[in-house]
Amino acid sequence: MARRGGFPGGMPGNMNNLMKQAQRMQRQMEENKKALEEKEFTATSGGGAVEVVVSGKKDLKSITISPDAVDPDDVEMLQDMILVAVNEAMKQVDEESEKLFGGMGGLGGF
């Protein structure tokens, strides 16, 4: 008997396997997303004068500034240190997301 192409009489088992695999991948992505969101990322600048903590959701959780970093005559330096620390913490979140999700586009805009 000749084989036919297509799904109607063909390969329902393979389709079921594909669906199961897709569901497993979906569950894994959801678990990875939850794990990432629960993590916190810490970055410092100015030799530790400024420390920031960011969640895996990219919410800024805290900023700690050493009193020695506060110079009323050089506010711009403090602003720069804060920017550097925040950007570094955000970069850490992006890197962790890339590790977890690879080329899947991260967390859909995270």
C-alpha atoms as a PDB file:
ATOM      1  CA  MET A   1       0.000   0.000   0.000  1.00  0.00           C
ATOM      2  CA  ALA A   2       1.334   3.407  -0.914  1.00  0.00           C
ATOM      3  CA  ARG A   3       2.131   5.914   1.810  1.00  0.00           C
ATOM      4  CA  ARG A   4       0.377   9.200   1.839  1.00  0.00           C
ATOM      5  CA  GLY A   5       1.882  12.474   2.909  1.00  0.00           C
ATOM      6  CA  GLY A   6       0.278  14.849   5.357  1.00  0.00           C
ATOM      7  CA  PHE A   7      -1.329  14.294   8.752  1.00  0.00           C
ATOM      8  CA  PRO A   8      -4.786  12.813   8.044  1.00  0.00           C
ATOM      9  CA  GLY A   9      -3.594   9.216   7.757  1.00  0.00           C
ATOM     10  CA  GLY A  10       0.012   9.910   8.497  1.00  0.00           C
ATOM     11  CA  MET A  11       1.805  10.882  11.699  1.00  0.00           C
ATOM     12  CA  PRO A  12      -0.484  11.639  14.631  1.00  0.00           C
ATOM     13  CA  GLY A  13       2.107  10.262  17.065  1.00  0.00           C
ATOM     14  CA  ASN A  14       4.695  12.778  15.964  1.00  0.00           C
ATOM     15  CA  MET A  15       2.225  15.637  16.376  1.00  0.00           C
ATOM     16  CA  ASN A  16       1.444  14.472  19.909  1.00  0.00           C
ATOM     17  CA  ASN A  17       5.148  14.331  20.695  1.00  0.00           C
ATOM     18  CA  LEU A  18       5.611  17.850  19.345  1.00  0.00           C
ATOM     19  CA  MET A  19       2.732  19.119  21.485  1.00  0.00           C
ATOM     20  CA  LYS A  20       4.160  17.455  24.607  1.00  0.00           C
ATOM     21  CA  GLN A  21       7.574  18.919  23.882  1.00  0.00           C
ATOM     22  CA  ALA A  22       6.077  22.396  23.406  1.00  0.00           C
ATOM     23  CA  GLN A  23       4.198  22.083  26.706  1.00  0.00           C
ATOM     24  CA  ARG A  24       7.403  21.024  28.499  1.00  0.00           C
ATOM     25  CA  MET A  25       9.245  23.991  27.009  1.00  0.00           C
ATOM     26  CA  GLN A  26       6.437  26.328  28.085  1.00  0.00           C
ATOM     27  CA  ARG A  27       6.556  24.998  31.662  1.00  0.00           C
ATOM     28  CA  GLN A  28      10.350  25.350  31.724  1.00  0.00           C
ATOM     29  CA  MET A  29      10.153  28.932  30.466  1.00  0.00           C
ATOM     30  CA  GLU A  30       7.579  29.792  33.139  1.00  0.00           C
ATOM     31  CA  GLU A  31       9.774  28.242  35.848  1.00  0.00           C
ATOM     32  CA  ASN A  32      12.818  30.128  34.561  1.00  0.00           C
ATOM     33  CA  LYS A  33      10.860  33.383  34.448  1.00  0.00           C
ATOM     34  CA  LYS A  34       9.698  32.934  38.042  1.00  0.00           C
ATOM     35  CA  ALA A  35      13.228  32.091  39.191  1.00  0.00           C
ATOM     36  CA  LEU A  36      14.613  35.167  37.424  1.00  0.00           C
ATOM     37  CA  GLU A  37      11.947  37.446  38.903  1.00  0.00           C
ATOM     38  CA  GLU A  38      12.765  36.198  42.424  1.00  0.00           C
ATOM     39  CA  LYS A  39      16.493  36.926  42.070  1.00  0.00           C
ATOM     40  CA  GLU A  40      18.154  40.154  43.097  1.00  0.00           C
ATOM     41  CA  PHE A  41      21.160  41.672  41.361  1.00  0.00           C
ATOM     42  CA  THR A  42      23.588  43.976  43.147  1.00  0.00           C
ATOM     43  CA  ALA A  43      26.048  46.351  41.521  1.00  0.00           C
ATOM     44  CA  THR A  44      28.384  48.976  42.904  1.00  0.00           C
ATOM     45  CA  SER A  45      30.328  51.926  41.559  1.00  0.00           C
ATOM     46  CA  GLY A  46      32.804  54.430  42.903  1.00  0.00           C
ATOM     47  CA  GLY A  47      34.718  51.703  44.715  1.00  0.00           C
ATOM     48  CA  GLY A  48      31.609  50.698  46.628  1.00  0.00           C
ATOM     49  CA  ALA A  49      30.463  54.254  47.358  1.00  0.00           C
ATOM     50  CA  VAL A  50      27.153  53.524  45.602  1.00  0.00           C
ATOM     51  CA  GLU A  51      25.353  50.189  45.714  1.00  0.00           C
ATOM     52  CA  VAL A  52      22.086  49.360  43.991  1.00  0.00           C
ATOM     53  CA  VAL A  53      19.887  46.282  44.136  1.00  0.00           C
ATOM     54  CA  VAL A  54      17.578  45.423  41.235  1.00  0.00           C
ATOM     55  CA  SER A  55      15.065  42.588  41.016  1.00  0.00           C
ATOM     56  CA  GLY A  56      14.885  40.190  38.092  1.00  0.00           C
ATOM     57  CA  LYS A  57      11.825  42.182  37.018  1.00  0.00           C
ATOM     58  CA  LYS A  58      14.143  45.196  36.717  1.00  0.00           C
ATOM     59  CA  ASP A  59      12.545  46.951  39.666  1.00  0.00           C
ATOM     60  CA  LEU A  60      15.021  49.116  41.550  1.00  0.00           C
ATOM     61  CA  LYS A  61      14.884  47.733  45.111  1.00  0.00           C
ATOM     62  CA  SER A  62      17.408  49.885  46.935  1.00  0.00           C
ATOM     63  CA  ILE A  63      20.171  52.435  46.600  1.00  0.00           C
ATOM     64  CA  THR A  64      22.838  52.735  49.270  1.00  0.00           C
ATOM     65  CA  ILE A  65      25.146  55.751  49.184  1.00  0.00           C
ATOM     66  CA  SER A  66      28.197  56.059  51.386  1.00  0.00           C
ATOM     67  CA  PRO A  67      28.291  59.378  53.266  1.00  0.00           C
ATOM     68  CA  ASP A  68      31.805  59.851  51.873  1.00  0.00           C
ATOM     69  CA  ALA A  69      30.322  59.949  48.366  1.00  0.00           C
ATOM     70  CA  VAL A  70      28.172  62.967  49.171  1.00  0.00           C
ATOM     71  CA  ASP A  71      30.080  66.064  48.166  1.00  0.00           C
ATOM     72  CA  PRO A  72      27.800  69.099  47.767  1.00  0.00           C
ATOM     73  CA  ASP A  73      30.371  70.636  45.435  1.00  0.00           C
ATOM     74  CA  ASP A  74      30.346  67.615  43.109  1.00  0.00           C
ATOM     75  CA  VAL A  75      26.777  66.359  42.804  1.00  0.00           C
ATOM     76  CA  GLU A  76      27.428  65.322  39.205  1.00  0.00           C
ATOM     77  CA  MET A  77      29.942  62.703  40.346  1.00  0.00           C
ATOM     78  CA  LEU A  78      27.354  61.128  42.655  1.00  0.00           C
ATOM     79  CA  GLN A  79      24.753  61.154  39.891  1.00  0.00           C
ATOM     80  CA  ASP A  80      27.218  59.439  37.555  1.00  0.00           C
ATOM     81  CA  MET A  81      28.036  56.770  40.145  1.00  0.00           C
ATOM     82  CA  ILE A  82      24.329  56.040  40.630  1.00  0.00           C
ATOM     83  CA  LEU A  83      23.781  55.739  36.860  1.00  0.00           C
ATOM     84  CA  VAL A  84      26.750  53.417  36.469  1.00  0.00           C
ATOM     85  CA  ALA A  85      25.586  51.132  39.286  1.00  0.00           C
ATOM     86  CA  VAL A  86      21.960  51.011  38.074  1.00  0.00           C
ATOM     87  CA  ASN A  87      22.999  50.301  34.493  1.00  0.00           C
ATOM     88  CA  GLU A  88      25.363  47.539  35.623  1.00  0.00           C
ATOM     89  CA  ALA A  89      22.638  45.866  37.694  1.00  0.00           C
ATOM     90  CA  MET A  90      20.219  46.033  34.755  1.00  0.00           C
ATOM     91  CA  LYS A  91      22.904  44.503  32.532  1.00  0.00           C
ATOM     92  CA  GLN A  92      23.229  41.625  35.010  1.00  0.00           C
ATOM     93  CA  VAL A  93      19.485  40.963  34.729  1.00  0.00           C
ATOM     94  CA  ASP A  94      19.754  40.952  30.918  1.00  0.00           C
ATOM     95  CA  GLU A  95      22.700  38.540  31.023  1.00  0.00           C
ATOM     96  CA  GLU A  96      20.878  36.159  33.371  1.00  0.00           C
ATOM     97  CA  SER A  97      17.794  36.332  31.168  1.00  0.00           C
ATOM     98  CA  GLU A  98      19.917  35.511  28.124  1.00  0.00           C
ATOM     99  CA  LYS A  99      21.403  32.507  29.959  1.00  0.00           C
ATOM    100  CA  LEU A 100      17.964  31.212  30.894  1.00  0.00           C
ATOM    101  CA  PHE A 101      16.145  31.921  27.663  1.00  0.00           C
ATOM    102  CA  GLY A 102      18.887  32.015  25.041  1.00  0.00           C
ATOM    103  CA  GLY A 103      17.755  33.151  21.651  1.00  0.00           C
ATOM    104  CA  MET A 104      14.059  32.942  22.561  1.00  0.00           C
ATOM    105  CA  GLY A 105      13.780  36.695  22.854  1.00  0.00           C
ATOM    106  CA  GLY A 106      14.170  36.922  26.627  1.00  0.00           C
ATOM    107  CA  LEU A 107      10.964  37.467  28.537  1.00  0.00           C
ATOM    108  CA  GLY A 108       8.921  39.102  25.879  1.00  0.00           C
ATOM    109  CA  GLY A 109      10.200  42.602  26.453  1.00  0.00           C
ATOM    110  CA  PHE A 110      11.774  42.137  29.849  1.00  0.00           C
END
